[in-house]
Amino acid sequence: MAVVIATGFTGTTYGLKHGRVCYEWWRDGTATATTAAAGFAAVNALPPRTDSAWKPTAIPATWTLTYPTERKVSFVGIAKHDLGALNASIVIDYLVGAVWTFAGWITPADNTPILLLTAPTWVDGVRVRITDADDEPTISVIMAGLADEWPRPFVWAGQPITEGDRIGFENTIAVTGNWLGRSVVSDGLQFGVEMNHVTEAWRQTDFQKFKAYANGGDAAFFIALRPLDYPDELAYAWATNVVTASRAMPNKRISTSVSMQLQGLRPHGG
């Protein structure tokens, strides 16, 4: 599973052939859940770290994030989970005023990251309902916020996200030269993205906000390269070098280029 687009949503400023970079998440929400196993409290699913998680003790189960005041939301992402392996079905709802409103229904086919894109909506909360599953799943990083629609499509060349496996092996060789097997010593995702011919105005405004986040302490974000045509090209990732832009030509309308080298989660199972 990867990008899920809400029914009728075609984009706000830019269409869904343009990339989405989802990093603006609201930090003042209160996380609660219907049930939680010991050591797997609801708060453990908050961004950005992936080494803690929420795990319910019964299905159906609901994880809820409630805000002190209204927040504008246009994406909900789940970075790390075993929902696909457990044949789970989930529903995502927005709390609009005092009424829970359906936002999207998802049946993950695997354990890859999930990103729901919707029209921007003022909400008082977000909830993820696990309506069915073979067993209680474990979910790490539920991020909700406002998707950043990048003004030009990413350059569609080089290594796709789905081919970015970064796996290190240690091979065991007998003194006789026989190969005895190997073990994985490092495992992850590595890929690059590039966008060209963007305005100087964008570089000085929207890009500065993203750059401050990507070069800061939290740093991790969801990136969907072309949500409409290639929904599987999605990652929960972080930059491996300083994120910055460059001027490619002396024309403020098409002057800016952005190139990023990223690492991310490589899910397993499902």
C-alpha atoms as a PDB file:
ATOM      1  CA  MET A   1       0.000   0.000   0.000  1.00  0.00           C
ATOM      2  CA  ALA A   2       1.162   3.522  -0.525  1.00  0.00           C
ATOM      3  CA  VAL A   3      -0.632   6.761  -1.413  1.00  0.00           C
ATOM      4  CA  VAL A   4      -4.410   6.734  -0.998  1.00  0.00           C
ATOM      5  CA  ILE A   5      -6.283   9.683  -2.485  1.00  0.00           C
ATOM      6  CA  ALA A   6      -9.597  10.690  -0.949  1.00  0.00           C
ATOM      7  CA  THR A   7     -12.589  10.410  -3.258  1.00  0.00           C
ATOM      8  CA  GLY A   8     -12.948  13.512  -5.413  1.00  0.00           C
ATOM      9  CA  PHE A   9      -9.637  15.104  -4.364  1.00  0.00           C
ATOM     10  CA  THR A  10      -7.522  16.278  -7.311  1.00  0.00           C
ATOM     11  CA  GLY A  11      -5.113  18.634  -5.567  1.00  0.00           C
ATOM     12  CA  THR A  12      -5.323  22.067  -4.027  1.00  0.00           C
ATOM     13  CA  THR A  13      -2.802  24.332  -5.764  1.00  0.00           C
ATOM     14  CA  TYR A  14      -1.140  21.654  -7.897  1.00  0.00           C
ATOM     15  CA  GLY A  15      -2.440  18.425  -9.368  1.00  0.00           C
ATOM     16  CA  LEU A  16      -1.515  14.968  -8.138  1.00  0.00           C
ATOM     17  CA  LYS A  17       1.231  14.513 -10.720  1.00  0.00           C
ATOM     18  CA  HIS A  18       3.196  16.940  -8.552  1.00  0.00           C
ATOM     19  CA  GLY A  19       5.039  15.574  -5.546  1.00  0.00           C
ATOM     20  CA  ARG A  20       3.857  15.875  -1.958  1.00  0.00           C
ATOM     21  CA  VAL A  21       6.292  16.434   0.901  1.00  0.00           C
ATOM     22  CA  CYS A  22       4.480  15.969   4.206  1.00  0.00           C
ATOM     23  CA  TYR A  23       6.348  17.439   7.154  1.00  0.00           C
ATOM     24  CA  GLU A  24       4.078  20.070   8.719  1.00  0.00           C
ATOM     25  CA  TRP A  25       2.542  18.084  11.562  1.00  0.00           C
ATOM     26  CA  TRP A  26       0.852  19.581  14.594  1.00  0.00           C
ATOM     27  CA  ARG A  27       2.729  18.959  17.840  1.00  0.00           C
ATOM     28  CA  ASP A  28       0.108  19.937  20.395  1.00  0.00           C
ATOM     29  CA  GLY A  29      -2.322  17.067  19.944  1.00  0.00           C
ATOM     30  CA  THR A  30      -3.219  14.613  22.719  1.00  0.00           C
ATOM     31  CA  ALA A  31      -3.042  10.940  21.744  1.00  0.00           C
ATOM     32  CA  THR A  32      -5.428   8.402  23.292  1.00  0.00           C
ATOM     33  CA  ALA A  33      -6.540   4.887  22.380  1.00  0.00           C
ATOM     34  CA  THR A  34      -9.310   2.471  23.230  1.00  0.00           C
ATOM     35  CA  THR A  35      -6.709  -0.042  24.502  1.00  0.00           C
ATOM     36  CA  ALA A  36      -2.923  -0.265  24.651  1.00  0.00           C
ATOM     37  CA  ALA A  37      -0.549  -3.086  25.568  1.00  0.00           C
ATOM     38  CA  ALA A  38       2.038  -2.537  28.284  1.00  0.00           C
ATOM     39  CA  GLY A  39       4.882  -0.464  26.843  1.00  0.00           C
ATOM     40  CA  PHE A  40       2.847   0.421  23.737  1.00  0.00           C
ATOM     41  CA  ALA A  41       0.861   3.489  24.834  1.00  0.00           C
ATOM     42  CA  ALA A  42      -1.013   5.652  22.323  1.00  0.00           C
ATOM     43  CA  VAL A  43       1.508   8.478  22.687  1.00  0.00           C
ATOM     44  CA  ASN A  44       4.252   6.168  21.390  1.00  0.00           C
ATOM     45  CA  ALA A  45       2.839   6.462  17.864  1.00  0.00           C
ATOM     46  CA  LEU A  46       3.472  10.210  17.648  1.00  0.00           C
ATOM     47  CA  PRO A  47       6.164  11.406  15.189  1.00  0.00           C
ATOM     48  CA  PRO A  48       8.929  11.457  14.329  1.00  0.00           C
ATOM     49  CA  ARG A  49      10.820   8.462  15.842  1.00  0.00           C
ATOM     50  CA  THR A  50      10.122   4.925  14.654  1.00  0.00           C
ATOM     51  CA  ASP A  51      11.534   3.004  17.635  1.00  0.00           C
ATOM     52  CA  SER A  52       8.316   3.211  19.682  1.00  0.00           C
ATOM     53  CA  ALA A  53       4.783   2.184  18.783  1.00  0.00           C
ATOM     54  CA  TRP A  54       1.148   1.799  19.785  1.00  0.00           C
ATOM     55  CA  LYS A  55      -0.320  -1.696  20.024  1.00  0.00           C
ATOM     56  CA  PRO A  56      -3.936  -2.309  21.029  1.00  0.00           C
ATOM     57  CA  THR A  57      -5.023  -5.342  23.029  1.00  0.00           C
ATOM     58  CA  ALA A  58      -8.291  -5.916  21.181  1.00  0.00           C
ATOM     59  CA  ILE A  59      -9.821  -5.439  17.727  1.00  0.00           C
ATOM     60  CA  PRO A  60     -11.687  -3.244  16.777  1.00  0.00           C
ATOM     61  CA  ALA A  61      -9.380  -0.523  18.123  1.00  0.00           C
ATOM     62  CA  THR A  62      -9.163   3.244  17.764  1.00  0.00           C
ATOM     63  CA  TRP A  63      -6.240   5.674  18.060  1.00  0.00           C
ATOM     64  CA  THR A  64      -7.288   9.314  18.453  1.00  0.00           C
ATOM     65  CA  LEU A  65      -5.383  12.585  18.258  1.00  0.00           C
ATOM     66  CA  THR A  66      -7.254  15.574  19.670  1.00  0.00           C
ATOM     67  CA  TYR A  67      -6.140  19.190  19.213  1.00  0.00           C
ATOM     68  CA  PRO A  68      -6.718  22.048  21.682  1.00  0.00           C
ATOM     69  CA  THR A  69      -7.949  24.249  18.815  1.00  0.00           C
ATOM     70  CA  GLU A  70      -8.710  23.725  15.145  1.00  0.00           C
ATOM     71  CA  ARG A  71      -5.889  22.658  12.848  1.00  0.00           C
ATOM     72  CA  LYS A  72      -5.844  22.431   9.061  1.00  0.00           C
ATOM     73  CA  VAL A  73      -5.108  18.888   7.903  1.00  0.00           C
ATOM     74  CA  SER A  74      -4.718  17.436   4.404  1.00  0.00           C
ATOM     75  CA  PHE A  75      -2.732  14.252   5.050  1.00  0.00           C
ATOM     76  CA  VAL A  76      -2.501  11.374   7.485  1.00  0.00           C
ATOM     77  CA  GLY A  77       0.549   9.127   7.229  1.00  0.00           C
ATOM     78  CA  ILE A  78       1.435   5.833   8.903  1.00  0.00           C
ATOM     79  CA  ALA A  79       5.145   5.125   8.590  1.00  0.00           C
ATOM     80  CA  LYS A  80       5.835   1.753  10.193  1.00  0.00           C
ATOM     81  CA  HIS A  81       3.315  -1.015  10.819  1.00  0.00           C
ATOM     82  CA  ASP A  82       2.373  -4.636  10.257  1.00  0.00           C
ATOM     83  CA  LEU A  83      -1.167  -3.958   9.049  1.00  0.00           C
ATOM     84  CA  GLY A  84      -0.670  -5.705   5.718  1.00  0.00           C
ATOM     85  CA  ALA A  85       0.736  -8.861   7.273  1.00  0.00           C
ATOM     86  CA  LEU A  86      -2.277  -9.022   9.590  1.00  0.00           C
ATOM     87  CA  ASN A  87      -4.883  -8.420   6.844  1.00  0.00           C
ATOM     88  CA  ALA A  88      -6.099  -5.318   8.642  1.00  0.00           C
ATOM     89  CA  SER A  89      -8.642  -2.780   7.469  1.00  0.00           C
ATOM     90  CA  ILE A  90      -8.521   0.787   8.757  1.00  0.00           C
ATOM     91  CA  VAL A  91     -10.706   3.863   8.544  1.00  0.00           C
ATOM     92  CA  ILE A  92      -9.401   7.406   9.007  1.00  0.00           C
ATOM     93  CA  ASP A  93     -11.806  10.074  10.270  1.00  0.00           C
ATOM     94  CA  TYR A  94     -11.603  13.833  10.859  1.00  0.00           C
ATOM     95  CA  LEU A  95     -13.291  15.475  13.840  1.00  0.00           C
ATOM     96  CA  VAL A  96     -15.044  18.524  12.404  1.00  0.00           C
ATOM     97  CA  GLY A  97     -16.614  20.470  15.247  1.00  0.00           C
ATOM     98  CA  ALA A  98     -18.270  17.753  17.300  1.00  0.00           C
ATOM     99  CA  VAL A  99     -18.854  15.329  14.427  1.00  0.00           C
ATOM    100  CA  TRP A 100     -16.525  12.575  13.224  1.00  0.00           C
ATOM    101  CA  THR A 101     -16.373  12.716   9.416  1.00  0.00           C
ATOM    102  CA  PHE A 102     -15.119   9.928   7.155  1.00  0.00           C
ATOM    103  CA  ALA A 103     -11.818  10.784   5.432  1.00  0.00           C
ATOM    104  CA  GLY A 104     -10.592   7.510   3.945  1.00  0.00           C
ATOM    105  CA  TRP A 105     -10.802   3.716   4.052  1.00  0.00           C
ATOM    106  CA  ILE A 106      -7.648   1.629   3.587  1.00  0.00           C
ATOM    107  CA  THR A 107      -6.898  -2.079   3.343  1.00  0.00           C
ATOM    108  CA  PRO A 108      -3.086  -2.286   3.234  1.00  0.00           C
ATOM    109  CA  ALA A 109      -1.704  -4.883   0.855  1.00  0.00           C
ATOM    110  CA  ASP A 110       1.686  -4.902   2.612  1.00  0.00           C
ATOM    111  CA  ASN A 111       3.647  -3.207   5.397  1.00  0.00           C
ATOM    112  CA  THR A 112       4.933  -0.252   3.365  1.00  0.00           C
ATOM    113  CA  PRO A 113       4.150   3.311   4.524  1.00  0.00           C
ATOM    114  CA  ILE A 114       0.627   4.651   4.024  1.00  0.00           C
ATOM    115  CA  LEU A 115      -0.274   8.229   3.089  1.00  0.00           C
ATOM    116  CA  LEU A 116      -3.859   9.480   2.821  1.00  0.00           C
ATOM    117  CA  LEU A 117      -4.235  12.743   0.880  1.00  0.00           C
ATOM    118  CA  THR A 118      -7.418  14.782   1.290  1.00  0.00           C
ATOM    119  CA  ALA A 119      -8.679  18.285   0.671  1.00  0.00           C
ATOM    120  CA  PRO A 120      -7.451  20.698   3.375  1.00  0.00           C
ATOM    121  CA  THR A 121      -9.919  20.514   6.245  1.00  0.00           C
ATOM    122  CA  TRP A 122     -10.146  22.382   9.539  1.00  0.00           C
ATOM    123  CA  VAL A 123     -10.356  19.669  12.183  1.00  0.00           C
ATOM    124  CA  ASP A 124     -10.424  19.297  15.952  1.00  0.00           C
ATOM    125  CA  GLY A 125      -8.957  15.816  15.812  1.00  0.00           C
ATOM    126  CA  VAL A 126      -7.963  12.817  13.732  1.00  0.00           C
ATOM    127  CA  ARG A 127      -8.574   9.146  14.436  1.00  0.00           C
ATOM    128  CA  VAL A 128      -7.420   5.842  12.993  1.00  0.00           C
ATOM    129  CA  ARG A 129      -9.872   2.973  13.446  1.00  0.00           C
ATOM    130  CA  ILE A 130      -8.701  -0.606  12.978  1.00  0.00           C
ATOM    131  CA  THR A 131     -11.970  -2.272  12.062  1.00  0.00           C
ATOM    132  CA  ASP A 132     -10.619  -5.752  11.351  1.00  0.00           C
ATOM    133  CA  ALA A 133      -7.338  -7.667  11.658  1.00  0.00           C
ATOM    134  CA  ASP A 134      -6.070 -11.202  12.225  1.00  0.00           C
ATOM    135  CA  ASP A 135      -4.250 -10.044  15.362  1.00  0.00           C
ATOM    136  CA  GLU A 136      -3.409  -6.837  17.199  1.00  0.00           C
ATOM    137  CA  PRO A 137      -1.091  -4.745  14.972  1.00  0.00           C
ATOM    138  CA  THR A 138       1.851  -2.569  15.984  1.00  0.00           C
ATOM    139  CA  ILE A 139       1.874   0.968  14.558  1.00  0.00           C
ATOM    140  CA  SER A 140       4.723   3.451  14.754  1.00  0.00           C
ATOM    141  CA  VAL A 141       4.454   7.082  13.596  1.00  0.00           C
ATOM    142  CA  ILE A 142       0.967   8.363  12.844  1.00  0.00           C
ATOM    143  CA  MET A 143       1.519  11.821  11.394  1.00  0.00           C
ATOM    144  CA  ALA A 144      -1.270  14.268  10.515  1.00  0.00           C
ATOM    145  CA  GLY A 145      -0.833  17.726   9.069  1.00  0.00           C
ATOM    146  CA  LEU A 146      -0.809  19.886   5.957  1.00  0.00           C
ATOM    147  CA  ALA A 147       0.748  18.378   2.813  1.00  0.00           C
ATOM    148  CA  ASP A 148       3.208  20.599   0.964  1.00  0.00           C
ATOM    149  CA  GLU A 149       2.431  20.506  -2.760  1.00  0.00           C
ATOM    150  CA  TRP A 150       5.672  21.097  -4.656  1.00  0.00           C
ATOM    151  CA  PRO A 151       5.297  23.446  -7.632  1.00  0.00           C
ATOM    152  CA  ARG A 152       7.043  21.284 -10.241  1.00  0.00           C
ATOM    153  CA  PRO A 153       6.990  17.505 -10.780  1.00  0.00           C
ATOM    154  CA  PHE A 154      10.055  15.678  -9.549  1.00  0.00           C
ATOM    155  CA  VAL A 155      12.457  14.704 -12.314  1.00  0.00           C
ATOM    156  CA  TRP A 156      11.468  11.145 -13.225  1.00  0.00           C
ATOM    157  CA  ALA A 157      14.896   9.594 -13.716  1.00  0.00           C
ATOM    158  CA  GLY A 158      17.402   7.656 -11.656  1.00  0.00           C
ATOM    159  CA  GLN A 159      16.578   5.045  -9.027  1.00  0.00           C
ATOM    160  CA  PRO A 160      12.907   4.887  -7.950  1.00  0.00           C
ATOM    161  CA  ILE A 161      12.059   4.645  -4.264  1.00  0.00           C
ATOM    162  CA  THR A 162      10.837   1.094  -4.835  1.00  0.00           C
ATOM    163  CA  GLU A 163      14.321   0.122  -6.084  1.00  0.00           C
ATOM    164  CA  GLY A 164      16.245   1.904  -3.336  1.00  0.00           C
ATOM    165  CA  ASP A 165      17.001  -1.081  -1.072  1.00  0.00           C
ATOM    166  CA  ARG A 166      20.159  -0.356   0.919  1.00  0.00           C
ATOM    167  CA  ILE A 167      21.188  -3.734   2.326  1.00  0.00           C
ATOM    168  CA  GLY A 168      24.598  -4.641   3.711  1.00  0.00           C
ATOM    169  CA  PHE A 169      25.587  -8.310   3.900  1.00  0.00           C
ATOM    170  CA  GLU A 170      28.255 -10.239   5.763  1.00  0.00           C
ATOM    171  CA  ASN A 171      29.114 -13.427   3.903  1.00  0.00           C
ATOM    172  CA  THR A 172      30.454 -16.480   5.697  1.00  0.00           C
ATOM    173  CA  ILE A 173      33.154 -18.300   3.738  1.00  0.00           C
ATOM    174  CA  ALA A 174      34.767 -21.572   4.896  1.00  0.00           C
ATOM    175  CA  VAL A 175      38.533 -21.952   4.856  1.00  0.00           C
ATOM    176  CA  THR A 176      37.975 -24.348   1.960  1.00  0.00           C
ATOM    177  CA  GLY A 177      36.328 -21.541  -0.009  1.00  0.00           C
ATOM    178  CA  ASN A 178      32.777 -22.822   0.338  1.00  0.00           C
ATOM    179  CA  TRP A 179      30.034 -20.272   0.809  1.00  0.00           C
ATOM    180  CA  LEU A 180      28.191 -21.018   4.072  1.00  0.00           C
ATOM    181  CA  GLY A 181      25.581 -18.292   4.016  1.00  0.00           C
ATOM    182  CA  ARG A 182      25.303 -14.684   4.982  1.00  0.00           C
ATOM    183  CA  SER A 183      23.604 -12.321   7.396  1.00  0.00           C
ATOM    184  CA  VAL A 184      22.189  -8.830   6.954  1.00  0.00           C
ATOM    185  CA  VAL A 185      24.243  -6.264   8.866  1.00  0.00           C
ATOM    186  CA  SER A 186      22.432  -3.121   7.655  1.00  0.00           C
ATOM    187  CA  ASP A 187      19.022  -2.619   6.127  1.00  0.00           C
ATOM    188  CA  GLY A 188      17.278   0.469   4.851  1.00  0.00           C
ATOM    189  CA  LEU A 189      16.215   2.574   1.898  1.00  0.00           C
ATOM    190  CA  GLN A 190      18.295   5.038  -0.085  1.00  0.00           C
ATOM    191  CA  PHE A 191      17.254   7.196  -3.049  1.00  0.00           C
ATOM    192  CA  GLY A 192      17.603  10.640  -4.601  1.00  0.00           C
ATOM    193  CA  VAL A 193      15.063  13.185  -5.832  1.00  0.00           C
ATOM    194  CA  GLU A 194      15.388  16.261  -8.001  1.00  0.00           C
ATOM    195  CA  MET A 195      13.112  19.135  -9.031  1.00  0.00           C
ATOM    196  CA  ASN A 196      14.064  21.830 -11.543  1.00  0.00           C
ATOM    197  CA  HIS A 197      12.784  25.123 -12.980  1.00  0.00           C
ATOM    198  CA  VAL A 198      11.106  26.496  -9.857  1.00  0.00           C
ATOM    199  CA  THR A 199      10.610  30.187  -9.123  1.00  0.00           C
ATOM    200  CA  GLU A 200      12.840  32.291  -6.934  1.00  0.00           C
ATOM    201  CA  ALA A 201       9.707  33.276  -4.982  1.00  0.00           C
ATOM    202  CA  TRP A 202       9.104  29.640  -3.969  1.00  0.00           C
ATOM    203  CA  ARG A 203      12.728  29.219  -2.914  1.00  0.00           C
ATOM    204  CA  GLN A 204      12.505  32.265  -0.660  1.00  0.00           C
ATOM    205  CA  THR A 205       9.221  31.254   1.009  1.00  0.00           C
ATOM    206  CA  ASP A 206       7.850  27.691   1.078  1.00  0.00           C
ATOM    207  CA  PHE A 207      11.196  26.006   0.543  1.00  0.00           C
ATOM    208  CA  GLN A 208      12.757  27.856   3.482  1.00  0.00           C
ATOM    209  CA  LYS A 209      10.188  26.301   5.835  1.00  0.00           C
ATOM    210  CA  PHE A 210      10.890  22.812   4.574  1.00  0.00           C
ATOM    211  CA  LYS A 211      14.644  23.347   4.640  1.00  0.00           C
ATOM    212  CA  ALA A 212      14.515  24.426   8.292  1.00  0.00           C
ATOM    213  CA  TYR A 213      12.614  21.253   9.178  1.00  0.00           C
ATOM    214  CA  ALA A 214      14.695  18.851   7.073  1.00  0.00           C
ATOM    215  CA  ASN A 215      17.945  20.263   8.449  1.00  0.00           C
ATOM    216  CA  GLY A 216      16.659  20.269  12.034  1.00  0.00           C
ATOM    217  CA  GLY A 217      16.404  17.711  14.808  1.00  0.00           C
ATOM    218  CA  ASP A 218      13.151  15.993  13.782  1.00  0.00           C
ATOM    219  CA  ALA A 219      13.926  15.868  10.046  1.00  0.00           C
ATOM    220  CA  ALA A 220      11.810  12.826   8.978  1.00  0.00           C
ATOM    221  CA  PHE A 221       8.902  13.310   6.572  1.00  0.00           C
ATOM    222  CA  PHE A 222       6.703  11.510   4.071  1.00  0.00           C
ATOM    223  CA  ILE A 223       7.555  12.046   0.409  1.00  0.00           C
ATOM    224  CA  ALA A 224       5.343  10.940  -2.492  1.00  0.00           C
ATOM    225  CA  LEU A 225       6.965  11.561  -5.855  1.00  0.00           C
ATOM    226  CA  ARG A 226       3.929  11.330  -8.149  1.00  0.00           C
ATOM    227  CA  PRO A 227       0.891  10.337  -6.092  1.00  0.00           C
ATOM    228  CA  LEU A 228      -1.525   9.876  -8.982  1.00  0.00           C
ATOM    229  CA  ASP A 229       0.537   7.869 -11.450  1.00  0.00           C
ATOM    230  CA  TYR A 230       2.975   6.088  -9.117  1.00  0.00           C
ATOM    231  CA  PRO A 231       1.325   5.695  -5.708  1.00  0.00           C
ATOM    232  CA  ASP A 232       3.907   3.115  -4.579  1.00  0.00           C
ATOM    233  CA  GLU A 233       6.721   5.674  -4.865  1.00  0.00           C
ATOM    234  CA  LEU A 234       6.306   6.756  -1.252  1.00  0.00           C
ATOM    235  CA  ALA A 235       8.739   6.802   1.656  1.00  0.00           C
ATOM    236  CA  TYR A 236       9.115   7.939   5.231  1.00  0.00           C
ATOM    237  CA  ALA A 237      12.551   9.445   4.858  1.00  0.00           C
ATOM    238  CA  TRP A 238      15.209  11.900   6.016  1.00  0.00           C
ATOM    239  CA  ALA A 239      18.067  13.685   4.252  1.00  0.00           C
ATOM    240  CA  THR A 240      21.618  12.338   4.422  1.00  0.00           C
ATOM    241  CA  ASN A 241      23.156  15.699   3.560  1.00  0.00           C
ATOM    242  CA  VAL A 242      22.220  19.349   4.058  1.00  0.00           C
ATOM    243  CA  VAL A 243      19.038  20.240   2.177  1.00  0.00           C
ATOM    244  CA  THR A 244      19.559  23.344   0.069  1.00  0.00           C
ATOM    245  CA  ALA A 245      18.589  24.807  -3.296  1.00  0.00           C
ATOM    246  CA  SER A 246      20.681  26.257  -6.111  1.00  0.00           C
ATOM    247  CA  ARG A 247      20.158  28.722  -8.931  1.00  0.00           C
ATOM    248  CA  ALA A 248      20.315  26.898 -12.240  1.00  0.00           C
ATOM    249  CA  MET A 249      19.806  29.918 -14.517  1.00  0.00           C
ATOM    250  CA  PRO A 250      19.462  33.733 -14.304  1.00  0.00           C
ATOM    251  CA  ASN A 251      15.682  33.809 -14.600  1.00  0.00           C
ATOM    252  CA  LYS A 252      13.711  34.295 -11.401  1.00  0.00           C
ATOM    253  CA  ARG A 253      10.664  32.509 -12.842  1.00  0.00           C
ATOM    254  CA  ILE A 254      12.521  29.217 -13.437  1.00  0.00           C
ATOM    255  CA  SER A 255      15.786  29.713 -11.594  1.00  0.00           C
ATOM    256  CA  THR A 256      15.735  27.173  -8.761  1.00  0.00           C
ATOM    257  CA  SER A 257      16.768  23.516  -8.614  1.00  0.00           C
ATOM    258  CA  VAL A 258      16.527  21.211  -5.596  1.00  0.00           C
ATOM    259  CA  SER A 259      18.388  17.915  -5.309  1.00  0.00           C
ATOM    260  CA  MET A 260      18.192  15.692  -2.208  1.00  0.00           C
ATOM    261  CA  GLN A 261      19.798  12.443  -1.157  1.00  0.00           C
ATOM    262  CA  LEU A 262      17.523  10.581   1.238  1.00  0.00           C
ATOM    263  CA  GLN A 263      17.382   7.493   3.407  1.00  0.00           C
ATOM    264  CA  GLY A 264      14.210   5.923   4.732  1.00  0.00           C
ATOM    265  CA  LEU A 265      12.442   2.929   6.175  1.00  0.00           C
ATOM    266  CA  ARG A 266      12.505  -0.331   4.231  1.00  0.00           C
ATOM    267  CA  PRO A 267       9.479  -2.261   5.475  1.00  0.00           C
ATOM    268  CA  HIS A 268       9.443  -6.046   5.773  1.00  0.00           C
ATOM    269  CA  GLY A 269       6.767  -8.690   5.732  1.00  0.00           C
ATOM    270  CA  GLY A 270       3.219  -8.486   4.484  1.00  0.00           C
END
